[in-house]
Every structure is written in C-alpha cells, then in structure tokens.
Amino acid sequence: MTDRGRFITLEGGEGAGKSTQARHLALALRDRGIDVVTTREPGGSPGAEDIRSLLVEGEPGRWDTLVETLMMFAARADHAVHTIRPALKRGAWVLCDRFTDSTYAYQGAGRGLPRETIRRIESIAVPDLKPDLTLMLDLPSETGLRRAAARNQGETRFERFDIAFHERLREAFREIARHHPERCALIDASAAADDVAAAILRTVEARFGV
C-alpha cells in the first residue's frame, strides 16, 4: 500500500443506498486494519455542512443552476481542504457519498449547465483531486425515489424534481461509468443490501488487492 490513502466515491440517484453501502464498506475495511474516513457531499466539513442546508432545503427552483453549481463547489472546496486531503495525506482511505460526478449529473445533465462550465469551475475549486475508484450504484429512478421517500421524514429539494429529471440523472451516471471504466464500477443497487455490499467489496478487493 502507498503512503497516500485511497479515495473512493459512491455515486447514484436518490435512494440508491450510498450512505448505507459506505457504512458497510467502512466496516469491512476497518476489519482489515485500514484507517477509514466516511464523509458526504454536499457537506463533510463544518463550512460545507452549512452550505448543504441551503442546497437540500426549499423548492426545486430555489436556485439558478449556475448559482447552485457554485455553491456545490464552494462546499466541495472546503470539504477537500478540511477533510479529504488531510485524511489522504495521513494514509487513510476516504469513502465519500457523492463527489464531482454528482455535479455533472445533477447540475449538468439534470439541470442543463454546460459540461465545460462545470469542468472549468472544477479545475479551480478542486484541482488534482480525483477518486481512485467510483462505485456507481444503479437502479430504476422510480424505485430509488420510493426508497428515498420511505427513508426521509420529508423530501429533500432534489427529490421534488420531476421523474424526467431523475431519469436524466440515471443515464448521466451510467454514461460516466461507460466513459471511465478505469475508475468506475457499475453496481446493481436494486439487489438486496447485503448482496450490493458483497459486490462492492469484491470490486474493492479486485481493484486494490486488500
């Protein structure tokens, strides 16, 4: 293992089970003696959590798409500075529930912001910070929204977007996985949670030899 830790992200639409699977994977890796940090986006540091509340509350049209994207990257930059980079530097493995792929999906494919605009902001906010592995949790949009509704006491802002928006998200994540097979693994998240966890662990074992 290198001195630098590993950076693993979990991506997917609403209700895909990312936070649950991050916990399962963290436990499995800790059982193998690995120092693991679990975190999330938007959020993951005190400043980023403050921004998160602005992003996930309110009506779908609360923010202009560019404003929303800038807020996402402001939270991401703070998260990287205060949580992700320090953990990787000390050799920990970072498991992050969402990262930049979500911006390309939600604000890009979902809300129509040009990909090049997102790329330019990314190059300023989080230069040279890329996941070593991205686990794309894939399931039908309607299934994910039902799961999310059952999980939450109240819907988050993004869950209130129409089904066409969520279908665009799903296709965007799948397209990212197709175009970046060296980094991404597509995981069937419609299976039982234990089966999904086992598939994820097999993927991590194969990729990193743990």
C-alpha atoms as a PDB file:
ATOM      1  CA  MET A   1       0.000   0.000   0.000  1.00  0.00           C
ATOM      2  CA  THR A   2       1.265   3.511  -0.763  1.00  0.00           C
ATOM      3  CA  ASP A   3       1.734   6.195   1.889  1.00  0.00           C
ATOM      4  CA  ARG A   4      -1.206   8.089   0.417  1.00  0.00           C
ATOM      5  CA  GLY A   5      -4.638   6.752   1.237  1.00  0.00           C
ATOM      6  CA  ARG A   6      -7.297   5.736  -1.236  1.00  0.00           C
ATOM      7  CA  PHE A   7     -10.178   7.946  -2.312  1.00  0.00           C
ATOM      8  CA  ILE A   8     -13.386   6.013  -3.065  1.00  0.00           C
ATOM      9  CA  THR A   9     -16.624   7.730  -4.039  1.00  0.00           C
ATOM     10  CA  LEU A  10     -20.145   6.333  -4.152  1.00  0.00           C
ATOM     11  CA  GLU A  11     -22.484   7.831  -6.732  1.00  0.00           C
ATOM     12  CA  GLY A  12     -26.039   7.346  -7.911  1.00  0.00           C
ATOM     13  CA  GLY A  13     -29.511   8.799  -7.898  1.00  0.00           C
ATOM     14  CA  GLU A  14     -31.821   9.401  -4.967  1.00  0.00           C
ATOM     15  CA  GLY A  15     -32.422   6.324  -2.820  1.00  0.00           C
ATOM     16  CA  ALA A  16     -29.574   4.289  -4.326  1.00  0.00           C
ATOM     17  CA  GLY A  17     -28.269   3.365  -0.871  1.00  0.00           C
ATOM     18  CA  LYS A  18     -24.932   5.166  -0.999  1.00  0.00           C
ATOM     19  CA  SER A  19     -24.711   6.069   2.678  1.00  0.00           C
ATOM     20  CA  THR A  20     -25.730   2.551   3.752  1.00  0.00           C
ATOM     21  CA  GLN A  21     -23.164   0.962   1.464  1.00  0.00           C
ATOM     22  CA  ALA A  22     -20.463   3.380   2.597  1.00  0.00           C
ATOM     23  CA  ARG A  23     -21.031   2.205   6.166  1.00  0.00           C
ATOM     24  CA  HIS A  24     -20.864  -1.465   5.130  1.00  0.00           C
ATOM     25  CA  LEU A  25     -17.645  -0.923   3.203  1.00  0.00           C
ATOM     26  CA  ALA A  26     -16.083   1.093   6.014  1.00  0.00           C
ATOM     27  CA  LEU A  27     -16.718  -1.739   8.480  1.00  0.00           C
ATOM     28  CA  ALA A  28     -15.223  -4.305   6.105  1.00  0.00           C
ATOM     29  CA  LEU A  29     -12.095  -2.232   5.528  1.00  0.00           C
ATOM     30  CA  ARG A  30     -11.634  -1.453   9.227  1.00  0.00           C
ATOM     31  CA  ASP A  31     -11.815  -5.189   9.944  1.00  0.00           C
ATOM     32  CA  ARG A  32      -8.727  -5.431   7.712  1.00  0.00           C
ATOM     33  CA  GLY A  33      -6.858  -2.836   9.734  1.00  0.00           C
ATOM     34  CA  ILE A  34      -7.406   0.100   7.369  1.00  0.00           C
ATOM     35  CA  ASP A  35      -7.937   3.619   8.692  1.00  0.00           C
ATOM     36  CA  VAL A  36     -11.210   4.770   7.098  1.00  0.00           C
ATOM     37  CA  VAL A  37     -12.908   8.175   6.991  1.00  0.00           C
ATOM     38  CA  THR A  38     -16.538   8.295   5.827  1.00  0.00           C
ATOM     39  CA  THR A  39     -17.908  11.580   4.594  1.00  0.00           C
ATOM     40  CA  ARG A  40     -20.537  13.052   2.280  1.00  0.00           C
ATOM     41  CA  GLU A  41     -21.393  15.795  -0.181  1.00  0.00           C
ATOM     42  CA  PRO A  42     -22.612  18.368  -0.076  1.00  0.00           C
ATOM     43  CA  GLY A  43     -21.131  18.566   3.401  1.00  0.00           C
ATOM     44  CA  GLY A  44     -18.331  16.722   5.134  1.00  0.00           C
ATOM     45  CA  SER A  45     -16.793  19.728   6.899  1.00  0.00           C
ATOM     46  CA  PRO A  46     -18.369  22.399   9.126  1.00  0.00           C
ATOM     47  CA  GLY A  47     -18.453  25.056   6.408  1.00  0.00           C
ATOM     48  CA  ALA A  48     -19.702  22.629   3.776  1.00  0.00           C
ATOM     49  CA  GLU A  49     -22.471  21.395   6.079  1.00  0.00           C
ATOM     50  CA  ASP A  50     -23.699  24.984   6.421  1.00  0.00           C
ATOM     51  CA  ILE A  51     -23.896  25.248   2.640  1.00  0.00           C
ATOM     52  CA  ARG A  52     -25.610  21.842   2.427  1.00  0.00           C
ATOM     53  CA  SER A  53     -28.655  23.104   4.305  1.00  0.00           C
ATOM     54  CA  LEU A  54     -29.118  25.810   1.676  1.00  0.00           C
ATOM     55  CA  LEU A  55     -28.854  23.298  -1.165  1.00  0.00           C
ATOM     56  CA  VAL A  56     -31.126  20.498   0.025  1.00  0.00           C
ATOM     57  CA  GLU A  57     -33.952  22.535   1.566  1.00  0.00           C
ATOM     58  CA  GLY A  58     -36.683  24.508  -0.183  1.00  0.00           C
ATOM     59  CA  GLU A  59     -38.393  24.248  -3.533  1.00  0.00           C
ATOM     60  CA  PRO A  60     -36.751  22.813  -6.684  1.00  0.00           C
ATOM     61  CA  GLY A  61     -36.470  26.206  -8.368  1.00  0.00           C
ATOM     62  CA  ARG A  62     -34.945  27.932  -5.353  1.00  0.00           C
ATOM     63  CA  TRP A  63     -31.564  28.401  -7.025  1.00  0.00           C
ATOM     64  CA  ASP A  64     -30.456  29.305 -10.523  1.00  0.00           C
ATOM     65  CA  THR A  65     -28.419  26.398 -11.909  1.00  0.00           C
ATOM     66  CA  LEU A  66     -25.128  28.297 -12.052  1.00  0.00           C
ATOM     67  CA  VAL A  67     -25.596  29.634  -8.524  1.00  0.00           C
ATOM     68  CA  GLU A  68     -26.381  26.115  -7.318  1.00  0.00           C
ATOM     69  CA  THR A  69     -23.243  24.763  -9.005  1.00  0.00           C
ATOM     70  CA  LEU A  70     -21.031  27.461  -7.497  1.00  0.00           C
ATOM     71  CA  MET A  71     -22.437  26.645  -4.065  1.00  0.00           C
ATOM     72  CA  MET A  72     -21.759  22.954  -4.625  1.00  0.00           C
ATOM     73  CA  PHE A  73     -18.150  23.657  -5.498  1.00  0.00           C
ATOM     74  CA  ALA A  74     -17.724  26.094  -2.603  1.00  0.00           C
ATOM     75  CA  ALA A  75     -18.819  23.302  -0.272  1.00  0.00           C
ATOM     76  CA  ARG A  76     -16.578  20.833  -2.128  1.00  0.00           C
ATOM     77  CA  ALA A  77     -13.517  23.055  -1.894  1.00  0.00           C
ATOM     78  CA  ASP A  78     -13.993  23.462   1.875  1.00  0.00           C
ATOM     79  CA  HIS A  79     -14.583  19.727   2.228  1.00  0.00           C
ATOM     80  CA  ALA A  80     -11.397  18.937   0.310  1.00  0.00           C
ATOM     81  CA  VAL A  81      -9.280  21.332   2.351  1.00  0.00           C
ATOM     82  CA  HIS A  82     -10.542  20.342   5.773  1.00  0.00           C
ATOM     83  CA  THR A  83     -11.448  16.654   5.426  1.00  0.00           C
ATOM     84  CA  ILE A  84     -10.440  14.795   2.276  1.00  0.00           C
ATOM     85  CA  ARG A  85      -6.881  15.955   1.631  1.00  0.00           C
ATOM     86  CA  PRO A  86      -5.728  15.725   5.282  1.00  0.00           C
ATOM     87  CA  ALA A  87      -7.120  12.184   5.582  1.00  0.00           C
ATOM     88  CA  LEU A  88      -5.460  11.023   2.359  1.00  0.00           C
ATOM     89  CA  LYS A  89      -2.176  12.633   3.382  1.00  0.00           C
ATOM     90  CA  ARG A  90      -2.050  10.650   6.626  1.00  0.00           C
ATOM     91  CA  GLY A  91      -2.762   7.426   4.718  1.00  0.00           C
ATOM     92  CA  ALA A  92      -6.452   6.962   5.493  1.00  0.00           C
ATOM     93  CA  TRP A  93      -8.980   5.676   2.985  1.00  0.00           C
ATOM     94  CA  VAL A  94     -11.743   8.196   2.315  1.00  0.00           C
ATOM     95  CA  LEU A  95     -15.214   6.913   1.437  1.00  0.00           C
ATOM     96  CA  CYS A  96     -17.299   9.791   0.129  1.00  0.00           C
ATOM     97  CA  ASP A  97     -21.052   9.719  -0.509  1.00  0.00           C
ATOM     98  CA  ARG A  98     -21.098  11.800  -3.729  1.00  0.00           C
ATOM     99  CA  PHE A  99     -18.382  13.916  -5.334  1.00  0.00           C
ATOM    100  CA  THR A 100     -17.890  15.799  -8.601  1.00  0.00           C
ATOM    101  CA  ASP A 101     -19.673  13.186 -10.751  1.00  0.00           C
ATOM    102  CA  SER A 102     -22.880  14.210  -8.997  1.00  0.00           C
ATOM    103  CA  THR A 103     -22.443  17.782 -10.189  1.00  0.00           C
ATOM    104  CA  TYR A 104     -22.034  16.640 -13.793  1.00  0.00           C
ATOM    105  CA  ALA A 105     -25.200  14.556 -13.352  1.00  0.00           C
ATOM    106  CA  TYR A 106     -27.445  16.855 -11.296  1.00  0.00           C
ATOM    107  CA  GLN A 107     -26.471  20.340 -12.436  1.00  0.00           C
ATOM    108  CA  GLY A 108     -25.191  19.231 -15.849  1.00  0.00           C
ATOM    109  CA  ALA A 109     -27.444  16.528 -17.290  1.00  0.00           C
ATOM    110  CA  GLY A 110     -30.275  17.199 -14.868  1.00  0.00           C
ATOM    111  CA  ARG A 111     -30.458  20.998 -14.998  1.00  0.00           C
ATOM    112  CA  GLY A 112     -28.699  21.758 -18.261  1.00  0.00           C
ATOM    113  CA  LEU A 113     -25.489  23.530 -17.237  1.00  0.00           C
ATOM    114  CA  PRO A 114     -22.843  23.011 -19.940  1.00  0.00           C
ATOM    115  CA  ARG A 115     -20.246  20.392 -19.113  1.00  0.00           C
ATOM    116  CA  GLU A 116     -17.420  22.776 -19.971  1.00  0.00           C
ATOM    117  CA  THR A 117     -18.682  25.299 -17.438  1.00  0.00           C
ATOM    118  CA  ILE A 118     -18.634  22.629 -14.735  1.00  0.00           C
ATOM    119  CA  ARG A 119     -15.170  21.491 -15.789  1.00  0.00           C
ATOM    120  CA  ARG A 120     -13.766  24.999 -15.546  1.00  0.00           C
ATOM    121  CA  ILE A 121     -15.183  25.528 -12.062  1.00  0.00           C
ATOM    122  CA  GLU A 122     -13.889  22.111 -11.007  1.00  0.00           C
ATOM    123  CA  SER A 123     -10.383  22.971 -12.214  1.00  0.00           C
ATOM    124  CA  ILE A 124     -10.324  25.963  -9.865  1.00  0.00           C
ATOM    125  CA  ALA A 125     -12.155  24.554  -6.838  1.00  0.00           C
ATOM    126  CA  VAL A 126     -10.663  21.053  -6.550  1.00  0.00           C
ATOM    127  CA  PRO A 127      -7.645  20.790  -8.850  1.00  0.00           C
ATOM    128  CA  ASP A 128      -5.910  17.418  -8.946  1.00  0.00           C
ATOM    129  CA  LEU A 129      -8.387  15.684  -6.664  1.00  0.00           C
ATOM    130  CA  LYS A 130      -9.836  12.638  -8.418  1.00  0.00           C
ATOM    131  CA  PRO A 131     -11.266   9.427  -6.956  1.00  0.00           C
ATOM    132  CA  ASP A 132      -9.201   6.253  -7.200  1.00  0.00           C
ATOM    133  CA  LEU A 133     -12.443   4.313  -7.553  1.00  0.00           C
ATOM    134  CA  THR A 134     -16.049   5.370  -8.108  1.00  0.00           C
ATOM    135  CA  LEU A 135     -18.841   2.945  -7.280  1.00  0.00           C
ATOM    136  CA  MET A 136     -21.881   3.817  -9.408  1.00  0.00           C
ATOM    137  CA  LEU A 137     -24.968   2.464  -7.657  1.00  0.00           C
ATOM    138  CA  ASP A 138     -27.594   1.985 -10.349  1.00  0.00           C
ATOM    139  CA  LEU A 139     -31.310   1.295 -10.016  1.00  0.00           C
ATOM    140  CA  PRO A 140     -34.543   2.446 -11.680  1.00  0.00           C
ATOM    141  CA  SER A 141     -35.368   6.037 -10.808  1.00  0.00           C
ATOM    142  CA  GLU A 142     -38.872   5.289  -9.520  1.00  0.00           C
ATOM    143  CA  THR A 143     -37.509   2.578  -7.212  1.00  0.00           C
ATOM    144  CA  GLY A 144     -34.925   4.961  -5.825  1.00  0.00           C
ATOM    145  CA  LEU A 145     -37.472   7.710  -5.210  1.00  0.00           C
ATOM    146  CA  ARG A 146     -39.758   5.277  -3.366  1.00  0.00           C
ATOM    147  CA  ARG A 147     -36.849   4.203  -1.190  1.00  0.00           C
ATOM    148  CA  ALA A 148     -35.859   7.800  -0.528  1.00  0.00           C
ATOM    149  CA  ALA A 149     -39.414   8.765   0.401  1.00  0.00           C
ATOM    150  CA  ALA A 150     -39.630   5.854   2.843  1.00  0.00           C
ATOM    151  CA  ARG A 151     -36.291   6.818   4.384  1.00  0.00           C
ATOM    152  CA  ASN A 152     -36.896  10.548   4.809  1.00  0.00           C
ATOM    153  CA  GLN A 153     -39.396  12.208   7.097  1.00  0.00           C
ATOM    154  CA  GLY A 154     -39.670  14.908   4.446  1.00  0.00           C
ATOM    155  CA  GLU A 155     -38.463  15.004   0.884  1.00  0.00           C
ATOM    156  CA  THR A 156     -35.244  16.808   0.129  1.00  0.00           C
ATOM    157  CA  ARG A 157     -35.293  19.529  -2.500  1.00  0.00           C
ATOM    158  CA  PHE A 158     -33.782  17.305  -5.183  1.00  0.00           C
ATOM    159  CA  GLU A 159     -36.343  14.559  -4.635  1.00  0.00           C
ATOM    160  CA  ARG A 160     -39.055  17.072  -5.597  1.00  0.00           C
ATOM    161  CA  PHE A 161     -37.789  17.394  -9.179  1.00  0.00           C
ATOM    162  CA  ASP A 162     -39.910  15.547 -11.750  1.00  0.00           C
ATOM    163  CA  ILE A 163     -39.270  11.979 -12.892  1.00  0.00           C
ATOM    164  CA  ALA A 164     -37.747  13.142 -16.184  1.00  0.00           C
ATOM    165  CA  PHE A 165     -35.034  14.916 -14.182  1.00  0.00           C
ATOM    166  CA  HIS A 166     -34.255  11.709 -12.291  1.00  0.00           C
ATOM    167  CA  GLU A 167     -34.182   9.676 -15.486  1.00  0.00           C
ATOM    168  CA  ARG A 168     -31.584  12.111 -16.866  1.00  0.00           C
ATOM    169  CA  LEU A 169     -29.543  11.634 -13.703  1.00  0.00           C
ATOM    170  CA  ARG A 170     -29.556   7.874 -14.051  1.00  0.00           C
ATOM    171  CA  GLU A 171     -28.443   7.981 -17.665  1.00  0.00           C
ATOM    172  CA  ALA A 172     -25.739  10.530 -16.831  1.00  0.00           C
ATOM    173  CA  PHE A 173     -24.255   8.307 -14.130  1.00  0.00           C
ATOM    174  CA  ARG A 174     -24.343   5.297 -16.430  1.00  0.00           C
ATOM    175  CA  GLU A 175     -22.660   7.312 -19.173  1.00  0.00           C
ATOM    176  CA  ILE A 176     -19.898   8.426 -16.813  1.00  0.00           C
ATOM    177  CA  ALA A 177     -19.301   4.784 -15.883  1.00  0.00           C
ATOM    178  CA  ARG A 178     -19.138   3.791 -19.552  1.00  0.00           C
ATOM    179  CA  HIS A 179     -16.661   6.530 -20.409  1.00  0.00           C
ATOM    180  CA  HIS A 180     -14.395   5.969 -17.395  1.00  0.00           C
ATOM    181  CA  PRO A 181     -14.109   2.191 -16.910  1.00  0.00           C
ATOM    182  CA  GLU A 182     -10.618   2.607 -15.437  1.00  0.00           C
ATOM    183  CA  ARG A 183     -12.156   4.473 -12.492  1.00  0.00           C
ATOM    184  CA  CYS A 184     -15.813   3.470 -12.318  1.00  0.00           C
ATOM    185  CA  ALA A 185     -17.642   0.263 -11.469  1.00  0.00           C
ATOM    186  CA  LEU A 186     -21.384  -0.009 -12.153  1.00  0.00           C
ATOM    187  CA  ILE A 187     -23.132  -1.772  -9.263  1.00  0.00           C
ATOM    188  CA  ASP A 188     -26.697  -3.137  -9.415  1.00  0.00           C
ATOM    189  CA  ALA A 189     -28.279  -1.333  -6.453  1.00  0.00           C
ATOM    190  CA  SER A 190     -31.706  -2.907  -6.984  1.00  0.00           C
ATOM    191  CA  ALA A 191     -30.488  -6.095  -5.264  1.00  0.00           C
ATOM    192  CA  ALA A 192     -30.750  -6.749  -1.526  1.00  0.00           C
ATOM    193  CA  ALA A 193     -28.469  -4.524   0.567  1.00  0.00           C
ATOM    194  CA  ASP A 194     -26.236  -7.449   1.633  1.00  0.00           C
ATOM    195  CA  ASP A 195     -25.784  -8.530  -1.983  1.00  0.00           C
ATOM    196  CA  VAL A 196     -24.894  -4.984  -3.007  1.00  0.00           C
ATOM    197  CA  ALA A 197     -22.378  -4.791  -0.163  1.00  0.00           C
ATOM    198  CA  ALA A 198     -20.790  -8.067  -1.260  1.00  0.00           C
ATOM    199  CA  ALA A 199     -20.498  -6.855  -4.874  1.00  0.00           C
ATOM    200  CA  ILE A 200     -18.891  -3.633  -3.704  1.00  0.00           C
ATOM    201  CA  LEU A 201     -16.398  -5.446  -1.509  1.00  0.00           C
ATOM    202  CA  ARG A 202     -15.436  -7.763  -4.367  1.00  0.00           C
ATOM    203  CA  THR A 203     -14.857  -4.727  -6.568  1.00  0.00           C
ATOM    204  CA  VAL A 204     -12.656  -3.038  -3.964  1.00  0.00           C
ATOM    205  CA  GLU A 205     -10.701  -6.233  -3.353  1.00  0.00           C
ATOM    206  CA  ALA A 206     -10.063  -6.661  -7.072  1.00  0.00           C
ATOM    207  CA  ARG A 207      -9.049  -3.043  -7.549  1.00  0.00           C
ATOM    208  CA  PHE A 208      -6.763  -2.618  -4.554  1.00  0.00           C
ATOM    209  CA  GLY A 209      -5.779  -6.133  -3.501  1.00  0.00           C
ATOM    210  CA  VAL A 210      -6.991  -5.772   0.088  1.00  0.00           C
END
